């Protein structure tokens, strides 16, 4: 008798569980939203929380490995089988020619939340015609990373405010570099590579290769292209560069062995530096960058026109990217906020052991607040690749004028394609 009661009890449990699952899966209002992103592009914990926040939504979150951009462009060309929501990196303007393949987020209510975000970051996702195809996720404000102990040994200022005051321009930074290298017997280089200087100077500019008509402006005096080229060449000719390409094994070793005293980089370089140079923990500091504040990196979310659920997709994106959740994502995986309210969170002022107890979040927050709005154009990556390759040849001994002429020739050929 006892066994029979036990059997009935467990049978009822199973029936209850099955009926519960059936009820959930047969929810006539539930919509499945497919999301494409890359590892650490979004906070996985927040994605998991979407279904609790939106009971009528099921998220099919897919981490796309390999060449994410190529897969997306292939999907756009096919015109089908895309996700509802897709992440972009800072190459968002490459997709402006395909803007009709994405929902205009302004038509879904994005105007209401626009004041919540850093304006320059928000404008990155708006086409010259005024269509908003991408909502900000994170940002990549830049700053000067420097070795406090090496600066001290060279008689340079070590306090971040003093460093910024005395090295506020690239020219002053190079002058300090000469002093540093002479003081340390030329065993330490001021910075890492010529392409890094070129990239970071352009990252501080509001006019680089294109205007909003997609006309090339690189030869105009308004453009930062030639200025960035000349300063990068100057640093190379002064012998201030270690010729260690960013984030290579050579770069990692130079950082960990104290062969490079500083570099300008985005906030996401913090984790890369900590992983690359564990033996230097406590010796690094961060100051506002020479030449001004800039941005390098940061990503977006968009809704593909093939989605049957644009309203639900927009509500999910809006929730994922609200200021409170941006603070959570910063705590969980260091995604630096694009929402202004999130920049005021106490976590941004927390001290960090690797940086000698400095609160680097305050430096990067100030940088993020002062980035100039810029338009990159749909061929930014192509042109930037051409110019930086020619710059690398200068670092290896090629005449700068010959290299500049070659870069311009190849750029103009690229623009005809």
Protein backbone atom coordinates (compact mmCIF):
# COMPACT_ATOMS: atom_id res chain seq x y z
CA UNK A 1 0.00 0.00 0.00
CA UNK A 2 2.83 2.33 0.94
CA UNK A 3 4.59 1.63 -2.34
CA UNK A 4 1.41 2.40 -4.30
CA UNK A 5 0.99 5.78 -2.55
CA UNK A 6 4.64 6.60 -3.23
CA UNK A 7 4.21 5.67 -6.92
CA UNK A 8 1.12 7.92 -7.22
CA UNK A 9 2.97 10.75 -5.47
CA UNK A 10 5.92 10.68 -7.92
CA UNK A 11 3.54 10.25 -10.86
CA UNK A 12 1.72 13.44 -9.84
CA UNK A 13 5.05 15.26 -9.54
CA UNK A 14 6.03 14.22 -13.07
CA UNK A 15 2.59 15.19 -14.45
CA UNK A 16 2.85 18.57 -12.72
CA UNK A 17 6.32 19.22 -14.13
CA UNK A 18 5.33 18.17 -17.64
CA UNK A 19 2.16 20.27 -17.57
CA UNK A 20 4.18 23.22 -16.28
CA UNK A 21 6.70 22.94 -19.09
CA UNK A 22 3.96 22.49 -21.69
CA UNK A 23 2.15 25.53 -20.41
CA UNK A 24 5.32 27.64 -20.73
CA UNK A 25 6.29 26.39 -24.17
CA UNK A 26 2.75 26.79 -25.47
CA UNK A 27 2.52 30.41 -24.30
CA UNK A 28 0.82 31.94 -27.34
CA UNK A 29 2.36 35.34 -26.59
CA UNK A 30 5.96 34.17 -26.31
CA UNK A 31 8.30 35.38 -29.04
CA UNK A 32 11.80 34.09 -29.70
CA UNK A 33 14.45 36.71 -30.38
CA UNK A 34 17.75 35.58 -31.85
CA UNK A 35 20.79 37.58 -30.76
CA UNK A 36 24.24 37.55 -32.37
CA UNK A 37 27.20 38.84 -30.38
CA UNK A 38 30.78 37.88 -29.56
CA UNK A 39 32.36 36.63 -26.35
CA UNK A 40 32.37 39.43 -23.74
CA UNK A 41 30.56 41.75 -26.18
CA UNK A 42 27.60 41.70 -23.78
CA UNK A 43 27.14 40.61 -20.18
CA UNK A 44 25.93 36.99 -20.25
CA UNK A 45 24.25 37.36 -16.85
CA UNK A 46 22.11 40.21 -18.15
CA UNK A 47 21.17 38.21 -21.25
CA UNK A 48 20.03 35.39 -18.98
CA UNK A 49 17.98 37.89 -16.97
CA UNK A 50 16.05 39.07 -20.06
CA UNK A 51 13.54 36.24 -19.84
CA UNK A 52 12.78 37.07 -16.21
CA UNK A 53 12.29 40.73 -17.14
CA UNK A 54 10.25 39.86 -20.26
CA UNK A 55 8.22 36.67 -19.59
CA UNK A 56 6.86 36.70 -23.12
CA UNK A 57 10.33 36.71 -24.67
CA UNK A 58 12.70 33.81 -25.20
CA UNK A 59 16.28 34.81 -26.06
CA UNK A 60 18.23 32.60 -28.43
CA UNK A 61 21.64 34.10 -27.71
CA UNK A 62 24.39 32.99 -30.11
CA UNK A 63 28.07 33.83 -29.62
CA UNK A 64 29.54 34.09 -33.09
CA UNK A 65 33.20 33.09 -33.26
CA UNK A 66 35.72 33.80 -36.03
CA UNK A 67 35.24 36.76 -38.37
CA UNK A 68 32.02 38.26 -37.01
CA UNK A 69 31.94 41.16 -39.50
CA UNK A 70 32.30 38.88 -42.52
CA UNK A 71 29.52 36.62 -41.31
CA UNK A 72 27.23 39.60 -40.83
CA UNK A 73 28.06 41.05 -44.26
CA UNK A 74 27.48 37.65 -45.87
CA UNK A 75 24.11 37.44 -44.14
CA UNK A 76 23.21 40.94 -45.32
CA UNK A 77 24.12 40.00 -48.88
CA UNK A 78 21.95 36.87 -48.68
CA UNK A 79 19.02 38.90 -47.38
CA UNK A 80 17.73 36.16 -45.09
CA UNK A 81 18.48 34.01 -42.04
CA UNK A 82 19.76 36.90 -39.95
CA UNK A 83 19.18 37.35 -36.23
CA UNK A 84 16.65 39.76 -34.73
CA UNK A 85 19.30 41.64 -32.76
CA UNK A 86 22.94 41.92 -33.81
CA UNK A 87 26.00 43.54 -32.23
CA UNK A 88 28.38 45.82 -34.15
CA UNK A 89 31.83 46.91 -33.14
CA UNK A 90 33.19 50.39 -33.88
CA UNK A 91 32.98 49.58 -37.62
CA UNK A 92 29.32 50.64 -37.51
CA UNK A 93 29.77 53.23 -40.29
CA UNK A 94 30.82 50.47 -42.71
CA UNK A 95 27.19 49.37 -42.53
CA UNK A 96 25.67 52.76 -43.35
CA UNK A 97 25.43 51.86 -47.08
CA UNK A 98 23.22 48.96 -45.91
CA UNK A 99 21.13 51.11 -43.57
CA UNK A 100 17.92 49.96 -45.24
CA UNK A 101 18.63 46.47 -43.92
CA UNK A 102 18.13 47.65 -40.35
CA UNK A 103 15.20 49.17 -38.48
CA UNK A 104 15.39 52.90 -37.81
CA UNK A 105 15.52 52.90 -34.00
CA UNK A 106 14.12 56.45 -33.95
CA UNK A 107 10.87 54.99 -35.32
CA UNK A 108 10.78 52.52 -32.42
CA UNK A 109 11.18 55.13 -29.68
CA UNK A 110 14.93 55.78 -29.46
CA UNK A 111 14.42 59.57 -29.30
CA UNK A 112 13.02 59.17 -25.78
CA UNK A 113 16.28 57.74 -24.42
CA UNK A 114 18.78 59.72 -26.51
CA UNK A 115 19.49 62.26 -23.70
CA UNK A 116 20.61 59.37 -21.47
CA UNK A 117 23.71 58.68 -23.59
CA UNK A 118 27.00 60.38 -24.45
CA UNK A 119 26.09 62.40 -27.52
CA UNK A 120 29.21 61.61 -29.56
CA UNK A 121 28.70 57.88 -29.01
CA UNK A 122 25.00 58.08 -29.88
CA UNK A 123 25.77 59.96 -33.12
CA UNK A 124 28.12 57.19 -34.26
CA UNK A 125 25.03 55.05 -34.85
CA UNK A 126 23.13 57.71 -36.84
CA UNK A 127 23.57 57.89 -40.62
CA UNK A 128 24.19 61.25 -42.36
CA UNK A 129 20.55 61.02 -43.49
CA UNK A 130 19.42 60.95 -39.85
CA UNK A 131 18.48 57.30 -39.57
CA UNK A 132 19.55 55.60 -36.35
CA UNK A 133 20.59 52.02 -37.01
CA UNK A 134 22.62 51.20 -33.89
CA UNK A 135 22.24 51.73 -30.14
CA UNK A 136 25.38 52.27 -28.02
CA UNK A 137 26.70 49.49 -25.80
CA UNK A 138 30.10 50.53 -24.44
CA UNK A 139 32.83 53.07 -25.18
CA UNK A 140 36.63 53.06 -25.43
CA UNK A 141 37.88 56.38 -24.01
CA UNK A 142 41.64 56.79 -24.25
CA UNK A 143 44.33 57.93 -21.81
CA UNK A 144 48.08 57.75 -21.18
CA UNK A 145 49.27 54.59 -19.41
CA UNK A 146 52.68 55.19 -17.82
CA UNK A 147 55.17 53.56 -15.45
CA UNK A 148 55.27 55.73 -12.33
CA UNK A 149 58.60 54.25 -11.17
CA UNK A 150 60.37 54.84 -14.51
CA UNK A 151 59.02 58.40 -14.77
CA UNK A 152 60.31 59.01 -11.23
CA UNK A 153 63.79 57.63 -12.03
CA UNK A 154 63.94 59.95 -15.05
CA UNK A 155 62.99 63.02 -13.02
CA UNK A 156 59.62 63.37 -14.75
CA UNK A 157 56.40 64.16 -12.90
CA UNK A 158 54.61 61.12 -11.51
CA UNK A 159 51.28 62.47 -10.26
CA UNK A 160 48.61 62.00 -12.98
CA UNK A 161 47.57 65.65 -12.90
CA UNK A 162 51.18 66.85 -13.14
CA UNK A 163 51.88 64.40 -15.95
CA UNK A 164 48.91 65.75 -17.88
CA UNK A 165 49.92 69.34 -17.17
CA UNK A 166 53.51 68.88 -18.38
CA UNK A 167 52.72 66.48 -21.24
CA UNK A 168 49.50 68.00 -22.52
CA UNK A 169 50.67 68.01 -26.14
CA UNK A 170 52.28 65.29 -28.20
CA UNK A 171 55.34 67.52 -28.67
CA UNK A 172 55.74 67.92 -24.88
CA UNK A 173 55.26 64.18 -24.46
CA UNK A 174 58.05 63.49 -26.96
CA UNK A 175 60.32 66.00 -25.21
CA UNK A 176 59.72 64.19 -21.93
CA UNK A 177 60.48 60.95 -23.73
CA UNK A 178 63.91 62.18 -24.76
CA UNK A 179 64.69 63.05 -21.16
CA UNK A 180 63.42 59.68 -19.95
CA UNK A 181 65.49 57.69 -22.42
CA UNK A 182 68.67 59.69 -21.74
CA UNK A 183 68.19 59.34 -17.97
CA UNK A 184 67.69 55.58 -18.20
CA UNK A 185 70.64 54.95 -20.51
CA UNK A 186 68.39 54.39 -23.53
CA UNK A 187 67.40 51.00 -22.11
CA UNK A 188 63.72 52.01 -22.02
CA UNK A 189 61.64 53.41 -24.88
CA UNK A 190 58.99 56.06 -24.38
CA UNK A 191 56.26 54.18 -26.23
CA UNK A 192 55.38 51.06 -28.19
CA UNK A 193 54.91 51.62 -31.94
CA UNK A 194 54.46 54.17 -34.72
CA UNK A 195 50.98 52.94 -35.71
CA UNK A 196 49.75 53.40 -32.16
CA UNK A 197 50.65 57.09 -32.18
CA UNK A 198 48.97 57.62 -35.57
CA UNK A 199 45.82 55.81 -34.46
CA UNK A 200 45.52 57.63 -31.15
CA UNK A 201 45.99 61.11 -32.65
CA UNK A 202 43.22 60.38 -35.14
CA UNK A 203 41.08 59.00 -32.30
CA UNK A 204 41.24 62.50 -30.76
CA UNK A 205 40.06 64.17 -33.97
CA UNK A 206 36.62 65.03 -35.33
CA UNK A 207 37.85 65.06 -38.96
CA UNK A 208 39.97 62.20 -40.24
CA UNK A 209 39.42 60.68 -43.71
CA UNK A 210 35.85 61.62 -44.73
CA UNK A 211 33.19 64.29 -44.37
CA UNK A 212 29.53 63.34 -44.06
CA UNK A 213 29.18 63.29 -47.84
CA UNK A 214 31.81 60.53 -47.81
CA UNK A 215 34.21 62.81 -49.69
CA UNK A 216 37.90 62.22 -48.88
CA UNK A 217 39.33 65.07 -46.75
CA UNK A 218 42.71 63.55 -45.81
CA UNK A 219 44.65 66.22 -47.70
CA UNK A 220 42.67 69.09 -46.17
CA UNK A 221 44.20 71.19 -43.38
CA UNK A 222 41.08 70.37 -41.30
CA UNK A 223 41.91 66.70 -41.32
CA UNK A 224 44.10 65.09 -38.65
CA UNK A 225 45.54 62.58 -41.14
CA UNK A 226 48.73 64.48 -42.08
CA UNK A 227 49.25 65.85 -38.58
CA UNK A 228 48.99 62.33 -37.14
CA UNK A 229 51.39 61.06 -39.81
CA UNK A 230 53.95 63.79 -39.13
CA UNK A 231 53.87 63.31 -35.35
CA UNK A 232 54.17 59.54 -35.66
CA UNK A 233 57.15 59.97 -38.01
CA UNK A 234 58.69 62.52 -35.62
CA UNK A 235 58.51 60.08 -32.71
CA UNK A 236 60.13 57.39 -34.83
CA UNK A 237 62.92 59.69 -36.01
CA UNK A 238 63.58 60.76 -32.40
CA UNK A 239 64.10 57.10 -31.52
CA UNK A 240 61.25 57.06 -29.00
CA UNK A 241 59.52 53.94 -30.30
CA UNK A 242 60.18 50.30 -29.34
CA UNK A 243 58.71 48.94 -32.63
CA UNK A 244 56.63 46.45 -30.65
CA UNK A 245 53.28 45.96 -32.37
CA UNK A 246 50.36 46.24 -30.00
CA UNK A 247 49.28 43.15 -28.08
CA UNK A 248 51.80 40.80 -29.71
CA UNK A 249 54.01 38.49 -27.66
CA UNK A 250 56.83 41.00 -28.22
CA UNK A 251 54.64 43.79 -26.83
CA UNK A 252 53.66 41.67 -23.84
CA UNK A 253 57.30 40.90 -23.03
CA UNK A 254 58.39 44.55 -23.40
CA UNK A 255 55.64 45.68 -21.04
CA UNK A 256 56.43 43.03 -18.45
CA UNK A 257 60.21 43.58 -18.66
CA UNK A 258 60.05 47.35 -18.27
CA UNK A 259 61.30 48.14 -21.80
CA UNK A 260 58.38 50.49 -22.54
CA UNK A 261 57.55 53.34 -20.19
CA UNK A 262 54.17 54.46 -21.55
CA UNK A 263 51.57 54.28 -24.29
CA UNK A 264 48.26 55.91 -25.14
CA UNK A 265 45.43 53.39 -25.24
CA UNK A 266 41.74 52.80 -24.67
CA UNK A 267 40.22 51.76 -21.37
CA UNK A 268 39.95 48.16 -22.56
CA UNK A 269 43.79 48.04 -22.66
CA UNK A 270 43.73 47.83 -18.86
CA UNK A 271 42.88 44.14 -18.80
CA UNK A 272 45.30 43.37 -21.65
CA UNK A 273 48.10 45.15 -19.77
CA UNK A 274 47.31 43.38 -16.51
CA UNK A 275 47.43 40.00 -18.28
CA UNK A 276 50.58 40.86 -20.25
CA UNK A 277 52.63 42.43 -17.47
CA UNK A 278 51.80 40.82 -14.11
CA UNK A 279 55.32 41.50 -12.78
CA UNK A 280 54.69 45.25 -13.04
CA UNK A 281 51.60 45.29 -10.82
CA UNK A 282 51.38 48.47 -8.76
CA UNK A 283 53.82 50.41 -10.98
CA UNK A 284 51.43 51.74 -13.65
CA UNK A 285 49.35 54.91 -13.54
CA UNK A 286 46.92 56.58 -15.93
CA UNK A 287 46.71 60.27 -16.93
CA UNK A 288 44.75 62.27 -19.50
CA UNK A 289 46.36 61.71 -22.87
CA UNK A 290 48.71 64.14 -24.63
CA UNK A 291 46.87 65.90 -27.45
CA UNK A 292 43.42 65.56 -25.89
CA UNK A 293 40.72 63.01 -25.12
CA UNK A 294 39.73 60.39 -27.65
CA UNK A 295 37.90 57.16 -28.22
CA UNK A 296 39.05 53.86 -29.67
CA UNK A 297 36.52 51.04 -29.82
CA UNK A 298 33.14 50.43 -28.25
CA UNK A 299 30.20 48.56 -29.72
CA UNK A 300 26.49 48.77 -30.64
CA UNK A 301 23.24 46.81 -31.01
CA UNK A 302 20.95 46.90 -34.05
CA UNK A 303 17.74 45.23 -35.24
CA UNK A 304 17.79 43.59 -38.65
CA UNK A 305 14.94 44.32 -41.03
CA UNK A 306 14.29 40.58 -41.35
CA UNK A 307 13.15 40.48 -37.71
CA UNK A 308 9.43 39.89 -37.19
CA UNK A 309 9.60 41.33 -33.70
CA UNK A 310 11.20 44.80 -33.89
CA UNK A 311 9.21 46.29 -31.00
CA UNK A 312 10.08 43.48 -28.64
CA UNK A 313 13.72 43.56 -29.80
CA UNK A 314 13.92 47.30 -29.13
CA UNK A 315 12.45 46.94 -25.63
CA UNK A 316 14.98 44.21 -24.81
CA UNK A 317 17.88 46.33 -26.13
CA UNK A 318 16.65 49.35 -24.20
CA UNK A 319 16.55 47.34 -20.99
CA UNK A 320 19.95 45.70 -21.57
CA UNK A 321 21.57 49.10 -22.16
CA UNK A 322 19.86 51.16 -19.46
CA UNK A 323 22.21 52.99 -17.06
CA UNK A 324 21.69 50.53 -14.20
CA UNK A 325 22.54 47.53 -16.35
CA UNK A 326 25.54 49.33 -17.84
CA UNK A 327 26.93 49.62 -14.32
CA UNK A 328 26.33 45.90 -13.85
CA UNK A 329 28.12 45.10 -17.13
CA UNK A 330 31.06 47.27 -16.06
CA UNK A 331 31.31 45.38 -12.78
CA UNK A 332 30.96 41.97 -14.46
CA UNK A 333 33.09 42.28 -17.61
CA UNK A 334 34.52 45.86 -17.69
CA UNK A 335 32.31 47.22 -20.48
CA UNK A 336 32.90 50.95 -20.08
CA UNK A 337 29.52 52.78 -20.02
CA UNK A 338 27.99 54.88 -22.79
CA UNK A 339 25.13 56.10 -20.56
CA UNK A 340 26.04 59.34 -18.76
CA UNK A 341 24.30 58.38 -15.50
CA UNK A 342 26.33 55.17 -15.32
CA UNK A 343 29.55 57.20 -15.45
CA UNK A 344 28.61 58.70 -12.07
CA UNK A 345 28.29 55.32 -10.34
CA UNK A 346 30.49 54.77 -7.25
CA UNK A 347 32.16 51.77 -8.91
CA UNK A 348 33.85 54.15 -11.35
CA UNK A 349 35.80 55.59 -8.42
CA UNK A 350 37.07 52.33 -6.96
CA UNK A 351 40.81 52.07 -6.41
CA UNK A 352 42.81 49.49 -8.35
CA UNK A 353 45.86 47.65 -6.96
CA UNK A 354 47.49 47.15 -10.36
CA UNK A 355 47.56 50.93 -10.79
CA UNK A 356 49.06 51.62 -7.38
CA UNK A 357 45.71 52.29 -5.75
CA UNK A 358 44.71 54.89 -8.35
CA UNK A 359 41.07 55.16 -9.39
CA UNK A 360 41.62 55.07 -13.15
CA UNK A 361 37.86 55.10 -13.79
CA UNK A 362 37.85 58.82 -12.96
CA UNK A 363 40.44 59.52 -15.69
CA UNK A 364 38.60 57.49 -18.32
CA UNK A 365 35.26 59.05 -17.32
CA UNK A 366 36.65 62.54 -17.94
CA UNK A 367 38.04 61.37 -21.25
CA UNK A 368 34.68 59.84 -22.24
CA UNK A 369 32.87 63.08 -21.46
CA UNK A 370 35.15 65.09 -23.78
CA UNK A 371 35.39 63.00 -26.93
CA UNK A 372 34.63 64.97 -30.11
CA UNK A 373 31.84 63.66 -32.37
CA UNK A 374 33.42 62.24 -35.52
CA UNK A 375 32.31 60.68 -38.78
CA UNK A 376 34.40 57.73 -39.93
CA UNK A 377 32.90 56.87 -43.31
CA UNK A 378 32.27 53.47 -44.82
CA UNK A 379 35.90 52.94 -45.91
CA UNK A 380 37.69 54.02 -42.74
CA UNK A 381 39.18 50.58 -42.06
CA UNK A 382 40.48 50.23 -45.64
CA UNK A 383 42.22 53.61 -45.61
CA UNK A 384 43.56 53.22 -42.09
CA UNK A 385 45.10 49.89 -43.02
CA UNK A 386 46.83 51.40 -46.04
CA UNK A 387 48.30 54.33 -44.11
CA UNK A 388 49.46 52.36 -41.08
CA UNK A 389 51.19 49.81 -43.32
CA UNK A 390 53.15 52.63 -44.98
CA UNK A 391 53.98 54.04 -41.54
CA UNK A 392 55.35 50.67 -40.50
CA UNK A 393 57.70 50.87 -43.47
CA UNK A 394 58.92 54.27 -42.22
CA UNK A 395 59.71 52.71 -38.84
CA UNK A 396 61.81 50.16 -40.75
CA UNK A 397 63.74 52.85 -42.63
CA UNK A 398 61.66 53.97 -45.65
CA UNK A 399 61.83 57.66 -46.52
CA UNK A 400 58.76 59.35 -44.91
CA UNK A 401 58.00 61.54 -47.95
CA UNK A 402 58.16 58.56 -50.30
CA UNK A 403 55.95 56.57 -47.94
CA UNK A 404 53.42 59.42 -47.63
CA UNK A 405 53.18 59.73 -51.43
CA UNK A 406 52.73 55.97 -51.71
CA UNK A 407 50.04 55.99 -49.03
CA UNK A 408 48.09 58.75 -50.79
CA UNK A 409 48.37 56.98 -54.14
CA UNK A 410 47.01 53.74 -52.69
CA UNK A 411 44.28 55.57 -50.78
CA UNK A 412 43.04 57.26 -53.98
CA UNK A 413 43.10 53.95 -55.81
CA UNK A 414 41.06 52.40 -53.01
CA UNK A 415 38.51 55.22 -53.19
CA UNK A 416 37.83 54.37 -56.85
CA UNK A 417 36.79 50.80 -56.00
